[in-house]
């Protein structure tokens, strides 16, 4: 999950009051757009139980959800193991200067990372969507490549650009969110080397900081009615999300940048620390039907003095945590980090 809002203080986004949002309508497969000049056909949703890529989820489609890839190691009971303490984080790359108000969106194999960024030297225009690629988990990420398919999608005068990517990398979800919530769009591509094709019909109305579950059947965002978390559901990935419901246990929490863990039992995010900086946090629950506990910082990376951490994005095997670290003003260096356990 990733979101970037031009010239909006972090405290305003943490406590923003949003009106109630209604669920959006249907998403006909025939309504495809070629925003930004893309001429590719609509990307396929995939077949039920398709082959999984390394470290990612298998092909997903109307009939079901594909399996977790080879790197998505599960515990003995078949559940991904999300226990353990993260080690000291390492720098992946430096980004544009500015508040990192969300998370990098990472594919299941962790070879592509998507982010909204401003063109160099500007903060008063719409964020552009960029992708960085690497040949392997140990390789370096490339320079950012702008995805012009999404040029002009969000209104630069008031929208945040919010995004998340499917584990197989074939679907990119993009929302244009203001203080009243905003539409969530889906773009598809047939292969990882093809351009995305954007559907003209939104698949939901959401709040700030949108993130999807690994199976893409639930979406999480800041409560459009005020503080706390909201979760939106659907039964198939070719359907629209419902109008959303408050997340039990997190109705009063000022949690930004939600990121559900692959086992469904944790919700990562960021909160304001007593020092006044922002740090990563994790709320847990005993089962998918139980309320979440209060968020805790135990076991997560701790930001150095005068820096803030935000925007967690967890790998499908729950072993690596990607996030953004922002240095203090005036330099406000923006670094994308990864921590392992």
Protein backbone atom coordinates (compact mmCIF):
# COMPACT_ATOMS: atom_id res chain seq x y z
CA UNK A 1 0.00 0.00 0.00
CA UNK A 2 1.19 3.52 -0.80
CA UNK A 3 -0.16 7.05 -0.65
CA UNK A 4 1.32 10.51 -1.00
CA UNK A 5 -0.51 13.80 -0.48
CA UNK A 6 0.96 17.07 -1.62
CA UNK A 7 1.44 19.72 1.06
CA UNK A 8 -0.73 18.00 3.71
CA UNK A 9 0.74 17.82 7.25
CA UNK A 10 0.93 14.34 8.73
CA UNK A 11 -1.07 15.33 11.82
CA UNK A 12 -3.95 16.43 9.59
CA UNK A 13 -4.06 13.05 7.86
CA UNK A 14 -3.83 11.14 11.13
CA UNK A 15 -6.91 12.89 12.50
CA UNK A 16 -8.84 13.73 9.34
CA UNK A 17 -12.64 13.67 9.59
CA UNK A 18 -14.23 12.11 6.55
CA UNK A 19 -17.95 11.95 5.68
CA UNK A 20 -19.70 8.64 5.17
CA UNK A 21 -18.94 7.10 1.77
CA UNK A 22 -21.39 4.93 -0.13
CA UNK A 23 -20.33 1.79 -1.94
CA UNK A 24 -19.70 2.25 -5.57
CA UNK A 25 -21.47 0.49 -8.40
CA UNK A 26 -20.48 -2.34 -10.64
CA UNK A 27 -17.26 -2.66 -12.56
CA UNK A 28 -18.14 -3.89 -16.05
CA UNK A 29 -15.23 -5.60 -17.73
CA UNK A 30 -15.97 -3.80 -20.97
CA UNK A 31 -15.31 -0.35 -19.50
CA UNK A 32 -11.59 -0.11 -20.09
CA UNK A 33 -9.68 3.12 -20.55
CA UNK A 34 -6.45 4.02 -22.29
CA UNK A 35 -5.45 6.86 -19.97
CA UNK A 36 -1.98 8.11 -20.73
CA UNK A 37 -2.00 6.71 -24.26
CA UNK A 38 -1.76 3.01 -23.43
CA UNK A 39 -3.07 0.85 -26.25
CA UNK A 40 -2.77 -2.54 -24.57
CA UNK A 41 -5.83 -4.71 -24.09
CA UNK A 42 -7.32 -5.40 -20.68
CA UNK A 43 -5.07 -7.53 -18.50
CA UNK A 44 -6.40 -10.94 -17.63
CA UNK A 45 -7.57 -11.66 -14.10
CA UNK A 46 -6.04 -15.12 -14.30
CA UNK A 47 -7.48 -18.55 -13.79
CA UNK A 48 -8.40 -20.23 -10.56
CA UNK A 49 -5.43 -21.69 -8.75
CA UNK A 50 -2.85 -20.57 -11.31
CA UNK A 51 0.85 -21.23 -10.90
CA UNK A 52 2.52 -19.13 -8.25
CA UNK A 53 5.58 -17.03 -8.86
CA UNK A 54 8.50 -17.21 -6.46
CA UNK A 55 7.54 -15.51 -3.24
CA UNK A 56 4.17 -14.35 -4.57
CA UNK A 57 0.63 -15.55 -4.79
CA UNK A 58 -0.56 -17.72 -7.61
CA UNK A 59 -2.93 -16.57 -10.33
CA UNK A 60 -6.24 -15.38 -8.94
CA UNK A 61 -9.57 -15.23 -10.65
CA UNK A 62 -13.32 -15.44 -10.22
CA UNK A 63 -13.09 -19.13 -9.33
CA UNK A 64 -10.68 -18.85 -6.41
CA UNK A 65 -7.32 -17.79 -5.05
CA UNK A 66 -3.99 -19.24 -6.16
CA UNK A 67 -1.43 -20.70 -3.78
CA UNK A 68 1.38 -18.91 -1.98
CA UNK A 69 4.71 -19.05 -3.82
CA UNK A 70 7.83 -20.90 -2.79
CA UNK A 71 9.20 -18.02 -0.74
CA UNK A 72 5.89 -17.67 1.12
CA UNK A 73 6.87 -20.22 3.74
CA UNK A 74 4.06 -21.31 6.04
CA UNK A 75 4.16 -22.75 9.53
CA UNK A 76 3.34 -26.39 10.24
CA UNK A 77 -0.40 -25.69 10.48
CA UNK A 78 -0.46 -24.23 6.97
CA UNK A 79 -0.47 -20.61 8.16
CA UNK A 80 2.24 -18.10 7.28
CA UNK A 81 4.50 -17.55 10.29
CA UNK A 82 4.34 -13.86 11.23
CA UNK A 83 6.12 -14.18 14.58
CA UNK A 84 9.55 -12.86 15.53
CA UNK A 85 11.45 -9.59 15.97
CA UNK A 86 12.70 -7.57 13.03
CA UNK A 87 16.41 -6.83 12.84
CA UNK A 88 17.95 -3.44 12.16
CA UNK A 89 16.69 -2.16 8.80
CA UNK A 90 18.84 -1.65 5.71
CA UNK A 91 18.62 1.11 3.12
CA UNK A 92 17.18 0.05 -0.25
CA UNK A 93 17.20 3.41 -2.04
CA UNK A 94 16.68 7.13 -1.55
CA UNK A 95 13.51 8.75 -2.88
CA UNK A 96 12.22 12.23 -3.56
CA UNK A 97 12.17 14.73 -0.69
CA UNK A 98 8.76 15.00 0.96
CA UNK A 99 6.44 13.44 3.49
CA UNK A 100 6.07 9.68 2.97
CA UNK A 101 2.43 9.37 4.01
CA UNK A 102 1.97 5.77 2.99
CA UNK A 103 3.82 2.63 2.06
CA UNK A 104 5.68 1.28 -0.93
CA UNK A 105 3.55 -1.30 -2.76
CA UNK A 106 5.63 -4.45 -3.25
CA UNK A 107 4.83 -7.43 -5.48
CA UNK A 108 4.79 -10.95 -4.03
CA UNK A 109 8.20 -11.84 -5.46
CA UNK A 110 9.51 -8.47 -4.16
CA UNK A 111 11.11 -7.64 -7.51
CA UNK A 112 8.89 -4.61 -8.22
CA UNK A 113 8.05 -1.74 -5.90
CA UNK A 114 5.45 0.92 -6.79
CA UNK A 115 5.18 4.40 -5.30
CA UNK A 116 3.54 7.77 -5.97
CA UNK A 117 6.19 10.50 -6.24
CA UNK A 118 6.29 14.13 -7.25
CA UNK A 119 8.41 15.17 -10.23
CA UNK A 120 11.78 16.42 -8.96
CA UNK A 121 11.61 19.91 -7.48
CA UNK A 122 7.79 20.14 -7.41
CA UNK A 123 5.13 19.71 -4.72
CA UNK A 124 2.10 21.46 -6.25
CA UNK A 125 1.28 18.96 -9.00
CA UNK A 126 -0.32 15.54 -9.02
CA UNK A 127 1.91 12.71 -7.85
CA UNK A 128 3.12 10.46 -10.63
CA UNK A 129 3.14 6.68 -10.20
CA UNK A 130 6.57 5.10 -10.55
CA UNK A 131 7.94 1.57 -10.42
CA UNK A 132 11.42 0.34 -9.51
CA UNK A 133 12.62 -3.14 -10.47
CA UNK A 134 15.43 -5.48 -9.44
CA UNK A 135 16.63 -8.83 -10.87
CA UNK A 136 16.64 -10.72 -7.55
CA UNK A 137 16.05 -10.29 -3.83
CA UNK A 138 19.72 -9.48 -3.38
CA UNK A 139 19.94 -7.16 -6.38
CA UNK A 140 19.68 -3.37 -6.38
CA UNK A 141 16.51 -1.58 -7.45
CA UNK A 142 16.58 0.40 -10.70
CA UNK A 143 15.90 4.09 -11.06
CA UNK A 144 12.17 4.92 -10.98
CA UNK A 145 10.22 4.45 -14.21
CA UNK A 146 7.11 6.63 -14.60
CA UNK A 147 3.91 4.77 -15.47
CA UNK A 148 2.29 7.26 -17.81
CA UNK A 149 -0.85 5.11 -18.01
CA UNK A 150 -1.99 6.91 -14.85
CA UNK A 151 -1.19 10.49 -15.87
CA UNK A 152 -4.18 12.74 -15.22
CA UNK A 153 -6.09 10.22 -13.09
CA UNK A 154 -6.03 12.15 -9.79
CA UNK A 155 -6.87 15.83 -9.31
CA UNK A 156 -3.69 17.71 -8.28
CA UNK A 157 -5.71 20.40 -6.49
CA UNK A 158 -6.95 18.17 -3.68
CA UNK A 159 -6.47 14.44 -4.16
CA UNK A 160 -4.06 12.05 -2.53
CA UNK A 161 -2.73 9.32 -4.79
CA UNK A 162 -3.17 5.96 -3.06
CA UNK A 163 -2.09 2.60 -4.46
CA UNK A 164 -1.51 -1.08 -3.79
CA UNK A 165 -0.43 -3.94 -6.03
CA UNK A 166 -1.54 -7.57 -6.24
CA UNK A 167 0.92 -10.26 -5.21
CA UNK A 168 1.32 -11.48 -8.79
CA UNK A 169 1.92 -7.91 -10.00
CA UNK A 170 -0.86 -8.03 -12.60
CA UNK A 171 -3.32 -5.69 -10.86
CA UNK A 172 -2.61 -2.22 -9.53
CA UNK A 173 -5.22 -0.50 -7.35
CA UNK A 174 -5.17 3.31 -7.40
CA UNK A 175 -7.40 5.67 -5.41
CA UNK A 176 -7.79 9.43 -5.69
CA UNK A 177 -8.78 10.40 -2.14
CA UNK A 178 -9.79 13.73 -0.63
CA UNK A 179 -11.20 14.51 2.80
CA UNK A 180 -14.54 13.06 1.68
CA UNK A 181 -13.05 9.74 0.64
CA UNK A 182 -12.51 8.81 -2.98
CA UNK A 183 -12.86 6.19 -5.71
CA UNK A 184 -10.62 3.14 -5.86
CA UNK A 185 -9.73 2.10 -9.42
CA UNK A 186 -8.23 -1.13 -10.72
CA UNK A 187 -5.73 -1.41 -13.56
CA UNK A 188 -4.67 -4.74 -15.08
CA UNK A 189 -1.89 -6.01 -17.31
CA UNK A 190 -1.48 -9.34 -19.07
CA UNK A 191 2.20 -9.78 -18.18
CA UNK A 192 4.72 -8.06 -15.94
CA UNK A 193 6.32 -6.41 -19.00
CA UNK A 194 3.03 -5.05 -20.41
CA UNK A 195 1.52 -1.62 -19.64
CA UNK A 196 -1.44 -1.37 -17.28
CA UNK A 197 -4.94 -0.73 -18.61
CA UNK A 198 -7.16 1.25 -16.27
CA UNK A 199 -10.84 0.42 -15.76
CA UNK A 200 -13.05 3.51 -15.97
CA UNK A 201 -15.43 2.18 -13.29
CA UNK A 202 -14.21 2.32 -9.67
CA UNK A 203 -14.26 -0.80 -7.53
CA UNK A 204 -14.93 1.01 -4.26
CA UNK A 205 -15.10 4.24 -2.29
CA UNK A 206 -12.40 4.37 0.38
CA UNK A 207 -10.61 6.60 2.88
CA UNK A 208 -6.92 7.46 3.14
CA UNK A 209 -4.12 4.87 3.25
CA UNK A 210 -5.66 2.00 1.31
CA UNK A 211 -4.15 -1.51 1.47
CA UNK A 212 -5.48 -4.83 0.21
CA UNK A 213 -5.19 -8.31 1.70
CA UNK A 214 -3.11 -10.88 -0.18
CA UNK A 215 -6.24 -12.48 -1.66
CA UNK A 216 -7.56 -9.01 -2.69
CA UNK A 217 -10.93 -9.73 -1.09
CA UNK A 218 -10.62 -7.13 1.67
CA UNK A 219 -9.37 -3.56 1.65
CA UNK A 220 -8.36 -1.47 4.67
CA UNK A 221 -8.27 2.30 5.03
CA UNK A 222 -8.74 5.11 7.48
CA UNK A 223 -12.37 5.32 8.61
CA UNK A 224 -14.22 7.68 6.21
CA UNK A 225 -16.44 8.73 9.13
CA UNK A 226 -13.57 9.88 11.33
CA UNK A 227 -10.81 8.23 13.31
CA UNK A 228 -10.22 4.51 13.41
CA UNK A 229 -9.95 1.83 10.72
CA UNK A 230 -12.49 0.62 8.16
CA UNK A 231 -12.49 -2.68 6.25
CA UNK A 232 -14.22 -3.28 2.93
CA UNK A 233 -15.12 -6.73 1.59
CA UNK A 234 -15.99 -8.52 -1.63
CA UNK A 235 -16.41 -12.20 -2.49
CA UNK A 236 -14.58 -12.20 -5.86
CA UNK A 237 -11.77 -10.07 -7.25
CA UNK A 238 -13.85 -9.06 -10.28
CA UNK A 239 -16.50 -7.48 -8.00
CA UNK A 240 -16.68 -4.10 -6.27
CA UNK A 241 -16.04 -3.66 -2.54
CA UNK A 242 -18.93 -3.02 -0.17
CA UNK A 243 -19.42 0.18 1.80
CA UNK A 244 -17.12 -0.94 4.61
CA UNK A 245 -17.41 -1.52 8.33
CA UNK A 246 -15.45 -0.31 11.40
CA UNK A 247 -12.63 -2.66 12.42
CA UNK A 248 -13.36 -4.02 15.94
CA UNK A 249 -10.77 -2.90 18.45
CA UNK A 250 -9.44 -0.12 16.21
CA UNK A 251 -12.40 2.25 16.11
CA UNK A 252 -10.63 4.89 18.22
CA UNK A 253 -7.05 4.44 17.01
CA UNK A 254 -5.25 7.12 14.98
CA UNK A 255 -3.47 4.54 12.85
CA UNK A 256 -2.12 5.58 9.45
CA UNK A 257 -0.87 3.44 6.59
CA UNK A 258 -2.65 0.17 7.50
CA UNK A 259 -1.09 -3.03 6.15
CA UNK A 260 -2.73 -6.40 6.95
CA UNK A 261 -0.31 -9.24 7.63
CA UNK A 262 -0.55 -12.31 5.35
CA UNK A 263 -1.93 -14.51 8.15
CA UNK A 264 -4.87 -12.13 8.67
CA UNK A 265 -4.08 -11.76 12.39
CA UNK A 266 -2.13 -8.50 12.37
CA UNK A 267 -2.52 -4.95 11.12
CA UNK A 268 0.63 -2.90 10.70
CA UNK A 269 0.59 0.89 10.55
CA UNK A 270 2.17 4.02 11.96
CA UNK A 271 1.32 6.16 14.98
CA UNK A 272 2.64 9.32 16.59
CA UNK A 273 5.16 8.43 19.31
CA UNK A 274 5.58 10.30 22.61
CA UNK A 275 8.63 11.99 21.06
CA UNK A 276 6.39 13.61 18.48
CA UNK A 277 7.88 11.55 15.65
CA UNK A 278 6.08 8.79 13.77
CA UNK A 279 6.86 5.09 14.28
CA UNK A 280 5.69 1.69 13.11
CA UNK A 281 3.16 -0.28 15.11
CA UNK A 282 1.30 -3.60 15.03
CA UNK A 283 -2.17 -4.53 16.30
CA UNK A 284 -2.91 -8.24 16.76
CA UNK A 285 -5.98 -10.46 17.10
CA UNK A 286 -6.46 -14.08 18.14
CA UNK A 287 -8.57 -15.02 15.11
CA UNK A 288 -10.03 -13.33 12.05
CA UNK A 289 -13.31 -12.92 13.92
CA UNK A 290 -11.76 -11.38 17.04
CA UNK A 291 -11.21 -7.66 17.79
CA UNK A 292 -7.70 -6.25 17.46
CA UNK A 293 -5.58 -5.38 20.47
CA UNK A 294 -4.12 -1.93 20.99
CA UNK A 295 -1.21 -1.30 18.59
CA UNK A 296 2.28 -2.00 19.96
CA UNK A 297 5.77 -1.03 18.76
CA UNK A 298 7.48 -4.13 20.25
CA UNK A 299 9.48 -6.15 17.73
CA UNK A 300 9.41 -3.45 15.05
CA UNK A 301 12.17 -1.10 13.83
CA UNK A 302 12.58 2.03 15.96
CA UNK A 303 13.27 5.32 14.17
CA UNK A 304 16.47 7.13 15.16
CA UNK A 305 16.09 10.52 16.89
CA UNK A 306 14.65 13.25 14.65
CA UNK A 307 13.34 10.77 12.07
CA UNK A 308 9.95 9.18 11.38
CA UNK A 309 9.01 5.75 10.06
CA UNK A 310 5.78 5.09 8.20
CA UNK A 311 4.15 3.12 5.41
CA UNK A 312 4.84 -0.54 6.30
CA UNK A 313 4.51 -3.15 3.54
CA UNK A 314 5.02 -6.79 4.54
CA UNK A 315 6.28 -9.62 2.30
CA UNK A 316 4.01 -12.59 1.55
CA UNK A 317 6.13 -14.85 3.77
CA UNK A 318 6.00 -12.26 6.58
CA UNK A 319 9.81 -12.25 6.84
CA UNK A 320 10.62 -8.82 5.36
CA UNK A 321 9.15 -5.45 6.23
CA UNK A 322 9.45 -2.54 3.78
CA UNK A 323 8.80 1.00 4.98
CA UNK A 324 9.74 4.65 4.47
CA UNK A 325 12.03 6.62 6.81
CA UNK A 326 11.89 10.41 6.72
CA UNK A 327 14.68 12.59 8.03
CA UNK A 328 13.99 15.77 9.95
CA UNK A 329 13.64 19.17 8.29
CA UNK A 330 15.19 20.95 6.50
CA UNK A 331 16.64 18.08 4.46
CA UNK A 332 13.68 15.67 4.93
CA UNK A 333 15.55 12.83 3.24
CA UNK A 334 13.15 10.09 2.17
CA UNK A 335 14.59 6.59 2.37
CA UNK A 336 12.94 3.26 1.57
CA UNK A 337 14.12 0.65 4.07
CA UNK A 338 13.76 -3.10 4.59
CA UNK A 339 14.01 -5.05 7.84
CA UNK A 340 14.21 -8.86 8.10
CA UNK A 341 13.45 -11.45 10.75
